[in-house]
Amino acid sequence: MSDLLDEYPMLIFGLEALLALFLLIFIVMWTASGRKKRAPRDSQD
């Protein structure tokens, strides 16, 4: 594994960027789904 990182030092930054993108999409989808569930209750009140 260290040989791979020595050969391609930017690989770890690419992996970190992919992880950050996945987390961003997950958080946005999670919060957006919560709003959809709460919207009908709020409009009925």
N, C-alpha and C. Protein backbone atom coordinates (compact mmCIF):
# COMPACT_ATOMS: atom_id res chain seq x y z
N MET A 1 0.83 -1.20 0.00
CA MET A 1 0.00 0.00 0.00
C MET A 1 0.87 1.26 0.00
N SER A 2 1.93 1.25 0.79
CA SER A 2 2.80 2.42 0.82
C SER A 2 3.51 2.61 -0.52
N ASP A 3 3.78 1.51 -1.24
CA ASP A 3 4.38 1.64 -2.58
C ASP A 3 3.43 2.37 -3.52
N LEU A 4 2.15 2.06 -3.41
CA LEU A 4 1.16 2.72 -4.26
C LEU A 4 1.10 4.21 -3.96
N LEU A 5 1.12 4.56 -2.69
CA LEU A 5 1.09 5.98 -2.31
C LEU A 5 2.38 6.69 -2.68
N ASP A 6 3.50 5.98 -2.64
CA ASP A 6 4.76 6.59 -3.07
C ASP A 6 4.75 6.85 -4.58
N GLU A 7 4.11 5.94 -5.32
CA GLU A 7 4.07 6.09 -6.77
C GLU A 7 3.07 7.17 -7.20
N TYR A 8 1.93 7.25 -6.50
CA TYR A 8 0.89 8.22 -6.82
C TYR A 8 0.54 9.02 -5.56
N PRO A 9 1.32 10.05 -5.24
CA PRO A 9 1.10 10.78 -3.97
C PRO A 9 -0.23 11.54 -3.92
N MET A 10 -0.81 11.88 -5.07
CA MET A 10 -2.07 12.61 -5.08
C MET A 10 -3.27 11.68 -4.90
N LEU A 11 -3.03 10.38 -4.87
CA LEU A 11 -4.13 9.43 -4.75
C LEU A 11 -4.89 9.62 -3.43
N ILE A 12 -4.18 9.90 -2.36
CA ILE A 12 -4.84 10.07 -1.07
C ILE A 12 -5.75 11.30 -1.06
N PHE A 13 -5.36 12.35 -1.79
CA PHE A 13 -6.21 13.54 -1.88
C PHE A 13 -7.46 13.25 -2.71
N GLY A 14 -7.30 12.44 -3.75
CA GLY A 14 -8.46 12.05 -4.55
C GLY A 14 -9.43 11.21 -3.75
N LEU A 15 -8.93 10.28 -2.96
CA LEU A 15 -9.78 9.46 -2.11
C LEU A 15 -10.49 10.29 -1.05
N GLU A 16 -9.77 11.24 -0.50
CA GLU A 16 -10.37 12.12 0.50
C GLU A 16 -11.46 12.99 -0.12
N ALA A 17 -11.23 13.45 -1.34
CA ALA A 17 -12.24 14.26 -2.03
C ALA A 17 -13.49 13.43 -2.32
N LEU A 18 -13.33 12.19 -2.73
CA LEU A 18 -14.47 11.32 -2.98
C LEU A 18 -15.25 11.06 -1.69
N LEU A 19 -14.55 10.84 -0.61
CA LEU A 19 -15.22 10.63 0.68
C LEU A 19 -15.99 11.88 1.11
N ALA A 20 -15.39 13.04 0.94
CA ALA A 20 -16.07 14.29 1.30
C ALA A 20 -17.31 14.50 0.42
N LEU A 21 -17.22 14.18 -0.86
CA LEU A 21 -18.37 14.32 -1.76
C LEU A 21 -19.49 13.37 -1.36
N PHE A 22 -19.14 12.13 -1.02
CA PHE A 22 -20.14 11.17 -0.57
C PHE A 22 -20.82 11.64 0.71
N LEU A 23 -20.05 12.14 1.65
CA LEU A 23 -20.63 12.65 2.90
C LEU A 23 -21.55 13.85 2.64
N LEU A 24 -21.15 14.74 1.74
CA LEU A 24 -21.98 15.90 1.42
C LEU A 24 -23.31 15.45 0.82
N ILE A 25 -23.27 14.54 -0.13
CA ILE A 25 -24.50 14.06 -0.75
C ILE A 25 -25.38 13.35 0.27
N PHE A 26 -24.77 12.55 1.14
CA PHE A 26 -25.53 11.84 2.17
C PHE A 26 -26.23 12.81 3.12
N ILE A 27 -25.52 13.82 3.58
CA ILE A 27 -26.10 14.79 4.52
C ILE A 27 -27.22 15.58 3.86
N VAL A 28 -27.02 15.99 2.61
CA VAL A 28 -28.06 16.76 1.91
C VAL A 28 -29.30 15.91 1.71
N MET A 29 -29.13 14.67 1.30
CA MET A 29 -30.29 13.80 1.08
C MET A 29 -31.00 13.49 2.40
N TRP A 30 -30.24 13.31 3.47
CA TRP A 30 -30.82 13.00 4.77
C TRP A 30 -31.65 14.17 5.29
N THR A 31 -31.11 15.37 5.18
CA THR A 31 -31.84 16.53 5.66
C THR A 31 -33.02 16.86 4.75
N ALA A 32 -32.88 16.66 3.45
CA ALA A 32 -33.98 16.94 2.53
C ALA A 32 -35.13 15.97 2.75
N SER A 33 -34.85 14.73 3.04
CA SER A 33 -35.93 13.77 3.29
C SER A 33 -36.65 14.10 4.59
N GLY A 34 -35.99 14.66 5.56
CA GLY A 34 -36.62 15.07 6.80
C GLY A 34 -37.57 16.23 6.58
N ARG A 35 -37.24 17.13 5.68
CA ARG A 35 -38.11 18.27 5.39
C ARG A 35 -39.38 17.79 4.69
N LYS A 36 -39.27 16.84 3.79
CA LYS A 36 -40.43 16.34 3.07
C LYS A 36 -41.43 15.70 4.02
N LYS A 37 -40.94 14.99 5.02
CA LYS A 37 -41.82 14.31 5.96
C LYS A 37 -42.52 15.32 6.88
N ARG A 38 -41.84 16.40 7.23
CA ARG A 38 -42.39 17.37 8.17
C ARG A 38 -43.30 18.41 7.49
N ALA A 39 -43.16 18.63 6.21
CA ALA A 39 -43.89 19.69 5.52
C ALA A 39 -45.41 19.53 5.62
N PRO A 40 -45.99 18.37 5.37
CA PRO A 40 -47.45 18.26 5.47
C PRO A 40 -47.98 18.51 6.89
N ARG A 41 -47.26 18.09 7.91
CA ARG A 41 -47.71 18.33 9.29
C ARG A 41 -47.71 19.81 9.60
N ASP A 42 -46.66 20.54 9.13
CA ASP A 42 -46.57 21.97 9.43
C ASP A 42 -47.69 22.74 8.72
N SER A 43 -48.05 22.33 7.50
CA SER A 43 -49.09 23.07 6.78
C SER A 43 -50.48 22.80 7.36
N GLN A 44 -50.68 21.68 8.03
CA GLN A 44 -51.97 21.38 8.62
C GLN A 44 -52.20 22.15 9.91
N ASP A 45 -51.13 22.52 10.61
CA ASP A 45 -51.26 23.21 11.90
C ASP A 45 -51.80 24.59 11.77
